[in-house]
Amino acid sequence: MAAAKTPNYEQNVPDTVYGYVAARSQGGVPMTQAGRFESTAPFRAEERVRERAKEYARQAGLTVTAESRLGFAVAGSPAAYEQLTTGRIVSYEVRQRVEMSRERSVTHLDIIGDRQPRALGIGAAPGEDAIEAVALEEPRVPMRLHPATADPPTVANFHLSLPDDVARLLNATPAHEQGRVGRGVKVAMVDTGEASHAYFTAHDYDVARTVAVVPGTDAAEDPVGHGTGESANIFAVAPGVRLRPYRASNRGGVLIAAMGAFLRAKARHPQVLTNSWGTRARFPEDGPLPELDRLWALEIRDALEQGIVVVFAAGNGHFSIEPQVPGVLSVGGVFSGPQGELRASDYTSGYASPWFDGVVVPTVSGLVGLAPLAQYLMLPIPPGCKIDVEESHADDGTTHNDGWALFSGSSAAAPQIAGAAALLLEARPGLTPDEVADALARTATDVTTGTNAFDIPARHGPDEATGAGLVNVSAALDFVLTHHHP
């Protein structure tokens, strides 16, 4: 692998650092050198090896926060990582797209030293009989005080209201009228948090207590508002599901423990696991798959192999590893205009994967607004949160502390499609992730006009602008009821 360009290192390292330890693979090939992703079996660690790796981490002072068959998430002081790796934790700044496609400088961490590989975020450990690599979490990007009211404000801007407009345009309303609401299906969501809101209470939605992964953060808070707002999209399509939210953000709302939260969610075996965030990468990418991304790709594949439908947002002009992992249900955007006309959203990402043969992002699309701000869906959020303030300042027609904002993006489309998957799984609980994706793709409404964020045009048939097209929930439901037997 080509050596990564050395950034300008600084000493702006937080007191607590979140990371991942890859236990030694039983197949002999390290996770960081994975070249095939059809199965995670060769990369799983024997239990005794995994236990020995955990003991090395604990002796260094790290806390194991979640684990899988491949490795485990950890948290601890910089000194603990330095004891485990004999390297040094440093920081560097990266200017990147963040929530709602704004841009700002984001702090990333690296492990450096004589024994450390030249791969950003990856370190080596002396316990090589049990540990393949130590990886530091990258800050993930969300793909987006008085009590809020259950009803949204009236604004002049053209927009869609939840739940009715989203249910109607995704053709979920006929399914709801037949009693298909996703009842009994567990949907996990990793995001910035899930705050209580009168909107959810008024609709009697089933929201479990949030799991806060970052110590010292309040499970009842969502400082950004991203997770709270986007979760409303799940219920618009599947009002009967049980939502299990996982807060991966720190007190400032930055997603610093997304993979740790993903592992925690995966361990609880939800039927659907939806994620509206991703890593940073250049587009187009012509280099090899980075070592850090190989670790994450295998952990995501492991969830799919356990029968979990894994949904990832395609991105809003972002290019990330997560939606490209084979088997992931990746979601892009389609804009439905005032007269119901459909076009590809120029706000969302779409492309052929340079790393996985035959993978095109997105698989299908949900409802998303248009550039530059995609102010399209009226979503409930904590009053005065970051999105409440920013969207009102961008003239969405709401106020900065009313608990409502107009926004969308692939972050909104992904939970819409997670809701669609839940309806299929309610009807046919034995469906595999591939069967769910196939049903949604086969029955989607083809979109033939518009271009995506990378200026790739929609055309007849599956394409890189919208995937198979806009999801048609009732048609997908009819397909699985007709073609799959319990």
Foldseek 3Di string as FASTA:
>chain_A
DDFDDDFDWAAPDDFKFKWKWFWQFCLRDELLRDQDQPACNRQFDDPVLQVVVVVLLVVLPWDFQFADRGTTMIMGGQSSVCVFQVWGKIKHWDWDQAALRDTDIDIDIATDDPQAGSFGQWGDGPVVSITDIMGTFDFKHFLFADAFALDDDDFPDAADEPQPRQCVLLQLVVVVVVVLQLAPAEEEEEFQAAADHNNCVVLVAAEDQEAERDPPDDRRDRQAFTVHFLLSLLCSRRRRYHYHYYHQADPNSTNRRRVNSVRVVLVVPGQEYEYRIFDADDPPDDDADGSVLSVVLNVVSSSLVVQHAYEYEQHFLGHGSVQQRPLHQYEFEWEQDPVRAIFFAQRGFWDADPRDPPGTPHQAYGHFAHPDRRQHYKTFGHFQHNQLQVQVVVPQRHHSGNRIGGGDGSSNTRSNVSSLLSSLCVLPVPDRSVLSSVLQLVQADAHDAYAYNVRHGGHPAADRRGNSYYGNSVSSNVVCVVPPDD
